[in-house]
């Protein structure tokens, strides 16, 4: 497995070349999908790829 399935908020923001605030905005709009594991909130890599490809998550 070469590519991660889940990304931290910071890594998702970095991958999309946006800031943390915009990342949280996309999460609240439902365009970036997240998973909670314990106290961590992680972004699904497939939703990052969907946005990067110009589609909606």
PDB file of N, CA and C in Angstrom:
ATOM      1  N   UNK A   1       0.849  -1.169   0.000  1.00  0.00           N
ATOM      2  CA  UNK A   1       0.000   0.000   0.000  1.00  0.00           C
ATOM      3  C   UNK A   1       0.898   1.237   0.000  1.00  0.00           C
ATOM      4  N   UNK A   2       0.990   1.897  -1.127  1.00  0.00           N
ATOM      5  CA  UNK A   2       1.881   3.049  -1.257  1.00  0.00           C
ATOM      6  C   UNK A   2       1.244   4.351  -0.806  1.00  0.00           C
ATOM      7  N   UNK A   3      -0.006   4.553  -1.161  1.00  0.00           N
ATOM      8  CA  UNK A   3      -0.666   5.817  -0.834  1.00  0.00           C
ATOM      9  C   UNK A   3      -1.497   5.674   0.431  1.00  0.00           C
ATOM     10  N   UNK A   4      -1.483   6.708   1.272  1.00  0.00           N
ATOM     11  CA  UNK A   4      -2.284   6.641   2.499  1.00  0.00           C
ATOM     12  C   UNK A   4      -3.780   6.711   2.185  1.00  0.00           C
ATOM     13  N   UNK A   5      -4.560   6.116   3.056  1.00  0.00           N
ATOM     14  CA  UNK A   5      -6.014   6.145   2.929  1.00  0.00           C
ATOM     15  C   UNK A   5      -6.568   7.377   3.637  1.00  0.00           C
ATOM     16  N   UNK A   6      -5.919   7.754   4.736  1.00  0.00           N
ATOM     17  CA  UNK A   6      -6.348   8.892   5.541  1.00  0.00           C
ATOM     18  C   UNK A   6      -5.193   9.878   5.694  1.00  0.00           C
ATOM     19  N   UNK A   7      -5.543  11.160   5.723  1.00  0.00           N
ATOM     20  CA  UNK A   7      -4.545  12.220   5.869  1.00  0.00           C
ATOM     21  C   UNK A   7      -4.905  13.106   7.055  1.00  0.00           C
ATOM     22  N   UNK A   8      -3.883  13.640   7.699  1.00  0.00           N
ATOM     23  CA  UNK A   8      -4.136  14.633   8.743  1.00  0.00           C
ATOM     24  C   UNK A   8      -4.698  15.894   8.071  1.00  0.00           C
ATOM     25  N   UNK A   9      -5.274  16.757   8.867  1.00  0.00           N
ATOM     26  CA  UNK A   9      -5.794  18.025   8.343  1.00  0.00           C
ATOM     27  C   UNK A   9      -4.668  18.795   7.654  1.00  0.00           C
ATOM     28  N   UNK A  10      -3.502  18.838   8.298  1.00  0.00           N
ATOM     29  CA  UNK A  10      -2.368  19.567   7.725  1.00  0.00           C
ATOM     30  C   UNK A  10      -1.913  18.961   6.401  1.00  0.00           C
ATOM     31  N   UNK A  11      -1.849  17.627   6.319  1.00  0.00           N
ATOM     32  CA  UNK A  11      -1.407  16.967   5.086  1.00  0.00           C
ATOM     33  C   UNK A  11      -2.440  17.149   3.974  1.00  0.00           C
ATOM     34  N   UNK A  12      -3.721  17.122   4.318  1.00  0.00           N
ATOM     35  CA  UNK A  12      -4.764  17.347   3.318  1.00  0.00           C
ATOM     36  C   UNK A  12      -4.671  18.771   2.783  1.00  0.00           C
ATOM     37  N   UNK A  13      -4.466  19.743   3.675  1.00  0.00           N
ATOM     38  CA  UNK A  13      -4.321  21.135   3.259  1.00  0.00           C
ATOM     39  C   UNK A  13      -3.101  21.296   2.356  1.00  0.00           C
ATOM     40  N   UNK A  14      -2.009  20.658   2.738  1.00  0.00           N
ATOM     41  CA  UNK A  14      -0.784  20.728   1.948  1.00  0.00           C
ATOM     42  C   UNK A  14      -0.994  20.109   0.559  1.00  0.00           C
ATOM     43  N   UNK A  15      -1.674  18.976   0.511  1.00  0.00           N
ATOM     44  CA  UNK A  15      -1.911  18.295  -0.764  1.00  0.00           C
ATOM     45  C   UNK A  15      -2.759  19.149  -1.705  1.00  0.00           C
ATOM     46  N   UNK A  16      -3.672  19.946  -1.134  1.00  0.00           N
ATOM     47  CA  UNK A  16      -4.546  20.796  -1.941  1.00  0.00           C
ATOM     48  C   UNK A  16      -3.989  22.213  -2.110  1.00  0.00           C
ATOM     49  N   UNK A  17      -2.852  22.488  -1.498  1.00  0.00           N
ATOM     50  CA  UNK A  17      -2.239  23.825  -1.534  1.00  0.00           C
ATOM     51  C   UNK A  17      -3.195  24.903  -1.032  1.00  0.00           C
ATOM     52  N   UNK A  18      -3.854  24.587   0.089  1.00  0.00           N
ATOM     53  CA  UNK A  18      -4.757  25.542   0.735  1.00  0.00           C
ATOM     54  C   UNK A  18      -4.398  25.605   2.218  1.00  0.00           C
ATOM     55  N   UNK A  19      -4.985  26.541   2.910  1.00  0.00           N
ATOM     56  CA  UNK A  19      -4.731  26.691   4.333  1.00  0.00           C
ATOM     57  C   UNK A  19      -5.652  25.817   5.175  1.00  0.00           C
ATOM     58  N   UNK A  20      -5.349  25.748   6.464  1.00  0.00           N
ATOM     59  CA  UNK A  20      -6.163  24.957   7.393  1.00  0.00           C
ATOM     60  C   UNK A  20      -7.591  25.471   7.469  1.00  0.00           C
ATOM     61  N   UNK A  21      -7.774  26.799   7.449  1.00  0.00           N
ATOM     62  CA  UNK A  21      -9.132  27.357   7.544  1.00  0.00           C
ATOM     63  C   UNK A  21      -9.997  26.924   6.370  1.00  0.00           C
ATOM     64  N   UNK A  22      -9.436  26.978   5.174  1.00  0.00           N
ATOM     65  CA  UNK A  22     -10.169  26.548   3.979  1.00  0.00           C
ATOM     66  C   UNK A  22     -10.439  25.049   4.036  1.00  0.00           C
ATOM     67  N   UNK A  23      -9.504  24.289   4.578  1.00  0.00           N
ATOM     68  CA  UNK A  23      -9.698  22.848   4.725  1.00  0.00           C
ATOM     69  C   UNK A  23     -10.886  22.572   5.633  1.00  0.00           C
ATOM     70  N   UNK A  24     -10.945  23.256   6.774  1.00  0.00           N
ATOM     71  CA  UNK A  24     -12.078  23.079   7.681  1.00  0.00           C
ATOM     72  C   UNK A  24     -13.387  23.546   7.041  1.00  0.00           C
ATOM     73  N   UNK A  25     -13.324  24.568   6.213  1.00  0.00           N
ATOM     74  CA  UNK A  25     -14.506  25.041   5.500  1.00  0.00           C
ATOM     75  C   UNK A  25     -15.023  23.945   4.555  1.00  0.00           C
ATOM     76  N   UNK A  26     -14.119  23.314   3.815  1.00  0.00           N
ATOM     77  CA  UNK A  26     -14.513  22.231   2.911  1.00  0.00           C
ATOM     78  C   UNK A  26     -15.080  21.042   3.683  1.00  0.00           C
ATOM     79  N   UNK A  27     -14.548  20.787   4.869  1.00  0.00           N
ATOM     80  CA  UNK A  27     -15.077  19.713   5.720  1.00  0.00           C
ATOM     81  C   UNK A  27     -16.493  20.052   6.157  1.00  0.00           C
ATOM     82  N   UNK A  28     -16.716  21.285   6.600  1.00  0.00           N
ATOM     83  CA  UNK A  28     -18.051  21.676   7.074  1.00  0.00           C
ATOM     84  C   UNK A  28     -19.072  21.690   5.945  1.00  0.00           C
ATOM     85  N   UNK A  29     -18.618  21.936   4.718  1.00  0.00           N
ATOM     86  CA  UNK A  29     -19.507  21.900   3.548  1.00  0.00           C
ATOM     87  C   UNK A  29     -19.781  20.467   3.087  1.00  0.00           C
ATOM     88  N   UNK A  30     -19.048  19.510   3.639  1.00  0.00           N
ATOM     89  CA  UNK A  30     -19.219  18.119   3.256  1.00  0.00           C
ATOM     90  C   UNK A  30     -18.462  17.733   2.001  1.00  0.00           C
ATOM     91  N   UNK A  31     -17.589  18.601   1.529  1.00  0.00           N
ATOM     92  CA  UNK A  31     -16.811  18.317   0.321  1.00  0.00           C
ATOM     93  C   UNK A  31     -15.571  17.494   0.616  1.00  0.00           C
ATOM     94  N   UNK A  32     -15.046  17.607   1.831  1.00  0.00           N
ATOM     95  CA  UNK A  32     -13.956  16.746   2.298  1.00  0.00           C
ATOM     96  C   UNK A  32     -14.546  15.841   3.372  1.00  0.00           C
ATOM     97  N   UNK A  33     -14.405  14.548   3.186  1.00  0.00           N
ATOM     98  CA  UNK A  33     -14.955  13.587   4.128  1.00  0.00           C
ATOM     99  C   UNK A  33     -13.908  13.225   5.167  1.00  0.00           C
ATOM    100  N   UNK A  34     -14.350  13.098   6.402  1.00  0.00           N
ATOM    101  CA  UNK A  34     -13.425  12.807   7.497  1.00  0.00           C
ATOM    102  C   UNK A  34     -13.858  11.571   8.268  1.00  0.00           C
ATOM    103  N   UNK A  35     -12.898  11.047   9.018  1.00  0.00           N
ATOM    104  CA  UNK A  35     -13.108   9.906   9.901  1.00  0.00           C
ATOM    105  C   UNK A  35     -12.499  10.275  11.242  1.00  0.00           C
ATOM    106  N   UNK A  36     -13.217   9.979  12.319  1.00  0.00           N
ATOM    107  CA  UNK A  36     -12.672  10.203  13.652  1.00  0.00           C
ATOM    108  C   UNK A  36     -12.128   8.888  14.183  1.00  0.00           C
ATOM    109  N   UNK A  37     -10.874   8.923  14.609  1.00  0.00           N
ATOM    110  CA  UNK A  37     -10.244   7.771  15.247  1.00  0.00           C
ATOM    111  C   UNK A  37      -9.694   8.274  16.573  1.00  0.00           C
ATOM    112  N   UNK A  38     -10.345   7.877  17.632  1.00  0.00           N
ATOM    113  CA  UNK A  38      -9.993   8.418  18.944  1.00  0.00           C
ATOM    114  C   UNK A  38     -10.266   9.912  18.944  1.00  0.00           C
ATOM    115  N   UNK A  39      -9.262  10.677  19.290  1.00  0.00           N
ATOM    116  CA  UNK A  39      -9.409  12.135  19.309  1.00  0.00           C
ATOM    117  C   UNK A  39      -8.988  12.784  18.005  1.00  0.00           C
ATOM    118  N   UNK A  40      -8.484  11.982  17.066  1.00  0.00           N
ATOM    119  CA  UNK A  40      -7.983  12.535  15.798  1.00  0.00           C
ATOM    120  C   UNK A  40      -9.093  12.588  14.753  1.00  0.00           C
ATOM    121  N   UNK A  41      -9.063  13.632  13.978  1.00  0.00           N
ATOM    122  CA  UNK A  41      -9.950  13.764  12.824  1.00  0.00           C
ATOM    123  C   UNK A  41      -9.066  13.685  11.591  1.00  0.00           C
ATOM    124  N   UNK A  42      -9.325  12.703  10.736  1.00  0.00           N
ATOM    125  CA  UNK A  42      -8.512  12.476   9.550  1.00  0.00           C
ATOM    126  C   UNK A  42      -9.362  12.611   8.300  1.00  0.00           C
ATOM    127  N   UNK A  43      -8.754  13.115   7.250  1.00  0.00           N
ATOM    128  CA  UNK A  43      -9.451  13.350   5.981  1.00  0.00           C
ATOM    129  C   UNK A  43      -9.236  12.149   5.071  1.00  0.00           C
ATOM    130  N   UNK A  44     -10.308  11.697   4.448  1.00  0.00           N
ATOM    131  CA  UNK A  44     -10.200  10.593   3.500  1.00  0.00           C
ATOM    132  C   UNK A  44      -9.456  11.062   2.253  1.00  0.00           C
ATOM    133  N   UNK A  45      -8.444  10.296   1.874  1.00  0.00           N
ATOM    134  CA  UNK A  45      -7.610  10.660   0.728  1.00  0.00           C
ATOM    135  C   UNK A  45      -8.416  10.679  -0.569  1.00  0.00           C
ATOM    136  N   UNK A  46      -9.431   9.818  -0.685  1.00  0.00           N
ATOM    137  CA  UNK A  46     -10.230   9.805  -1.903  1.00  0.00           C
ATOM    138  C   UNK A  46     -11.011  11.107  -2.083  1.00  0.00           C
ATOM    139  N   UNK A  47     -11.427  11.736  -0.989  1.00  0.00           N
ATOM    140  CA  UNK A  47     -12.135  13.016  -1.137  1.00  0.00           C
ATOM    141  C   UNK A  47     -11.164  14.136  -1.500  1.00  0.00           C
ATOM    142  N   UNK A  48      -9.908  14.033  -1.045  1.00  0.00           N
ATOM    143  CA  UNK A  48      -8.885  15.003  -1.454  1.00  0.00           C
ATOM    144  C   UNK A  48      -8.626  14.864  -2.946  1.00  0.00           C
ATOM    145  N   UNK A  49      -8.502  13.622  -3.419  1.00  0.00           N
ATOM    146  CA  UNK A  49      -8.280  13.384  -4.852  1.00  0.00           C
ATOM    147  C   UNK A  49      -9.473  13.874  -5.682  1.00  0.00           C
ATOM    148  N   UNK A  50     -10.686  13.703  -5.175  1.00  0.00           N
ATOM    149  CA  UNK A  50     -11.873  14.150  -5.912  1.00  0.00           C
ATOM    150  C   UNK A  50     -11.866  15.665  -6.092  1.00  0.00           C
ATOM    151  N   UNK A  51     -11.504  16.390  -5.051  1.00  0.00           N
ATOM    152  CA  UNK A  51     -11.438  17.852  -5.150  1.00  0.00           C
ATOM    153  C   UNK A  51     -10.293  18.255  -6.075  1.00  0.00           C
ATOM    154  N   UNK A  52      -9.151  17.607  -5.945  1.00  0.00           N
ATOM    155  CA  UNK A  52      -8.008  17.931  -6.783  1.00  0.00           C
ATOM    156  C   UNK A  52      -8.307  17.669  -8.253  1.00  0.00           C
ATOM    157  N   UNK A  53      -9.163  16.673  -8.498  1.00  0.00           N
ATOM    158  CA  UNK A  53      -9.537  16.350  -9.879  1.00  0.00           C
ATOM    159  C   UNK A  53     -10.656  17.209 -10.419  1.00  0.00           C
ATOM    160  N   UNK A  54     -11.143  18.136  -9.597  1.00  0.00           N
ATOM    161  CA  UNK A  54     -12.183  19.057 -10.040  1.00  0.00           C
ATOM    162  C   UNK A  54     -13.599  18.589  -9.762  1.00  0.00           C
ATOM    163  N   UNK A  55     -13.750  17.436  -9.107  1.00  0.00           N
ATOM    164  CA  UNK A  55     -15.083  16.927  -8.800  1.00  0.00           C
ATOM    165  C   UNK A  55     -15.442  17.167  -7.358  1.00  0.00           C
ATOM    166  N   UNK A  56     -16.689  16.926  -7.051  1.00  0.00           N
ATOM    167  CA  UNK A  56     -17.138  17.039  -5.660  1.00  0.00           C
ATOM    168  C   UNK A  56     -16.908  15.709  -4.967  1.00  0.00           C
ATOM    169  N   UNK A  57     -16.674  15.783  -3.672  1.00  0.00           N
ATOM    170  CA  UNK A  57     -16.422  14.550  -2.903  1.00  0.00           C
ATOM    171  C   UNK A  57     -17.702  13.783  -2.700  1.00  0.00           C
TER     172      UNK A  57
END
